[in-house]
Protein backbone atom coordinates (compact mmCIF):
# COMPACT_ATOMS: atom_id res chain seq x y z
CA MET A 1 -11.04 5.74 8.45
CA ALA A 2 -7.83 3.92 8.50
CA THR A 3 -5.60 4.16 5.23
CA LEU A 4 -3.40 1.52 4.16
CA VAL A 5 -1.24 3.66 2.02
CA ASP A 6 0.61 1.65 -0.93
CA SER A 7 4.11 1.40 -0.92
CA ASN A 8 4.29 3.18 -4.48
CA VAL A 9 3.35 6.31 -2.70
CA LEU A 10 5.15 6.20 0.19
CA ILE A 11 8.51 6.35 -2.13
CA ASP A 12 7.48 8.91 -3.66
CA VAL A 13 6.93 11.17 -1.15
CA ILE A 14 10.80 9.53 -0.42
CA GLU A 15 13.01 9.76 -2.85
CA GLY A 16 10.79 13.09 -3.77
CA GLY A 17 11.56 14.87 -6.98
CA LEU A 18 9.21 12.48 -9.00
CA ALA A 19 6.12 13.60 -11.27
CA TRP A 20 4.62 11.86 -8.44
CA SER A 21 5.69 12.95 -4.95
CA GLN A 22 3.96 16.70 -5.39
CA ARG A 23 0.75 14.82 -5.43
CA SER A 24 1.10 11.59 -3.35
CA GLU A 25 2.84 13.93 -0.72
CA LEU A 26 -0.29 16.17 -0.35
CA ALA A 27 -2.37 12.59 -1.07
CA LEU A 28 -0.97 11.55 2.23
CA GLU A 29 -1.04 14.35 4.40
CA ARG A 30 -5.25 14.33 3.99
CA VAL A 31 -6.02 11.03 4.70
CA GLY A 32 -3.29 11.38 7.69
CA ALA A 33 -5.59 14.30 8.78
CA ALA A 34 -8.23 12.38 8.68
CA GLY A 35 -7.60 9.24 10.63
CA PRO A 36 -4.30 6.66 11.29
CA VAL A 37 -2.56 5.81 8.60
CA VAL A 38 -1.77 2.76 8.19
CA ILE A 39 2.04 0.35 6.82
CA ASN A 40 2.30 -4.36 6.95
CA PRO A 41 4.72 -5.79 7.14
CA VAL A 42 4.77 -5.84 3.37
CA ILE A 43 4.68 -2.74 2.65
CA TYR A 44 7.61 -1.95 5.06
CA ALA A 45 9.96 -4.15 3.17
CA GLU A 46 9.01 -2.77 -0.17
CA VAL A 47 10.52 0.39 1.23
CA SER A 48 13.05 -1.15 2.62
CA VAL A 49 15.12 -2.53 -0.02
CA ARG A 50 16.30 1.74 -0.79
CA TYR A 51 17.46 1.28 2.61
CA GLU A 52 20.76 0.49 4.95
CA ASP A 53 19.52 -0.76 8.54
CA THR A 54 16.54 -0.34 10.06
CA ASP A 55 16.84 3.15 12.28
CA GLU A 56 17.15 4.97 8.67
CA LEU A 57 13.87 3.54 7.56
CA ASP A 58 12.10 4.01 10.59
CA LEU A 59 13.08 7.84 10.60
CA ASP A 60 11.07 8.11 7.65
CA LEU A 61 7.91 5.56 8.42
CA PRO A 62 7.63 7.15 12.08
CA LEU A 63 5.71 5.66 14.83
CA ASP A 64 4.08 8.87 16.01
CA PHE A 65 2.39 8.72 12.60
CA PHE A 66 2.44 5.16 10.49
CA GLN A 67 0.03 2.51 12.63
CA ARG A 68 1.95 -0.65 11.81
CA GLU A 69 -0.44 -3.69 11.92
CA GLN A 70 0.04 -7.04 10.52
CA LEU A 71 -0.91 -9.05 8.26
CA PRO A 72 -4.76 -10.94 9.13
CA TRP A 73 -4.89 -14.86 7.84
CA PRO A 74 -7.98 -13.59 6.41
CA ALA A 75 -6.02 -11.76 4.28
CA ALA A 76 -3.20 -13.75 2.95
CA PHE A 77 -6.18 -15.99 1.88
CA LEU A 78 -7.98 -13.44 -0.22
CA ALA A 79 -4.68 -12.55 -1.55
CA GLY A 80 -3.26 -15.81 -3.11
CA LYS A 81 -7.13 -15.80 -4.70
CA ALA A 82 -6.55 -12.73 -6.35
CA PHE A 83 -3.42 -13.96 -7.49
CA ALA A 84 -4.57 -16.82 -8.90
CA GLU A 85 -7.35 -14.96 -10.35
CA TYR A 86 -4.99 -12.34 -12.25
CA ARG A 87 -3.28 -15.58 -13.55
CA ARG A 88 -6.53 -17.16 -14.85
CA ARG A 89 -6.74 -14.04 -17.15
CA GLY A 90 -2.92 -14.08 -18.38
CA GLY A 91 -1.04 -11.48 -15.81
CA GLN A 92 2.48 -12.06 -16.03
CA ARG A 93 4.95 -11.98 -13.70
CA ARG A 94 5.99 -9.20 -13.20
CA SER A 95 2.97 -8.12 -11.39
CA PRO A 96 4.26 -9.51 -7.73
CA LEU A 97 2.30 -11.50 -5.59
CA PRO A 98 2.93 -8.11 -2.54
CA ASP A 99 0.34 -6.08 -4.33
CA PHE A 100 -2.46 -8.46 -4.10
CA PHE A 101 -1.27 -8.78 0.36
CA ILE A 102 -1.78 -4.55 -0.07
CA GLY A 103 -4.98 -5.15 -2.37
CA ALA A 104 -6.59 -8.24 0.27
CA HIS A 105 -5.16 -5.98 3.98
CA ALA A 106 -7.51 -3.12 3.02
CA ALA A 107 -10.65 -5.62 1.38
CA VAL A 108 -10.64 -7.63 4.82
CA THR A 109 -10.13 -5.31 7.32
CA GLY A 110 -12.26 -1.99 5.06
CA MET A 111 -9.02 0.27 4.79
CA GLN A 112 -9.82 2.60 2.43
CA LEU A 113 -5.97 2.42 0.22
CA LEU A 114 -4.19 5.19 -1.02
CA THR A 115 -2.40 3.91 -3.78
CA ARG A 116 -1.40 4.68 -7.70
CA ASP A 117 -2.42 1.72 -9.07
CA GLU A 118 -5.78 2.14 -9.48
CA ALA A 119 -5.76 -0.27 -12.42
CA ARG A 120 -5.36 -3.23 -10.41
CA TYR A 121 -7.62 -2.98 -7.25
CA ARG A 122 -10.56 -1.93 -8.30
CA THR A 123 -10.25 -5.27 -10.97
CA TYR A 124 -8.74 -6.95 -7.19
CA PHE A 125 -10.12 -5.83 -5.03
CA PRO A 126 -13.54 -3.92 -5.76
CA THR A 127 -14.84 -3.21 -2.81
CA VAL A 128 -11.94 -1.47 -1.19
CA GLU A 129 -12.04 1.93 -1.15
CA LEU A 130 -9.07 3.89 -2.92
CA ILE A 131 -7.55 7.31 -3.14
CA VAL A 132 -5.53 8.39 -5.91
CA PRO A 133 -2.93 11.08 -5.42
CA ALA A 134 -4.27 14.00 -8.39
């Protein structure tokens, strides 16, 4: 099964030394051994803020490990609906819309999602199988 990898896991692995780094790295290795590992433009953009240029970023997100997929149009629609529900429930703008694009992408394509943000994805995308680094 393909696994979409949330940017928080990638940042853990890339930055290293963080509380979650080792757990995230092991989880990423496990899903990579089990099937395709996928990122999308939203994930790429969230990770990119730490880099000066795309060449440097692409070294840390190599194409021979990470498949790159576009965000499906139905995922964009679902992300908007989930974000609207989040706001209706009193969610603050602190929660960025990109998280909803990531969850929706996994939901409409049937991918599992490797993330540390278990609560939000379970609440707004209950059909997505979550893998949380342990």
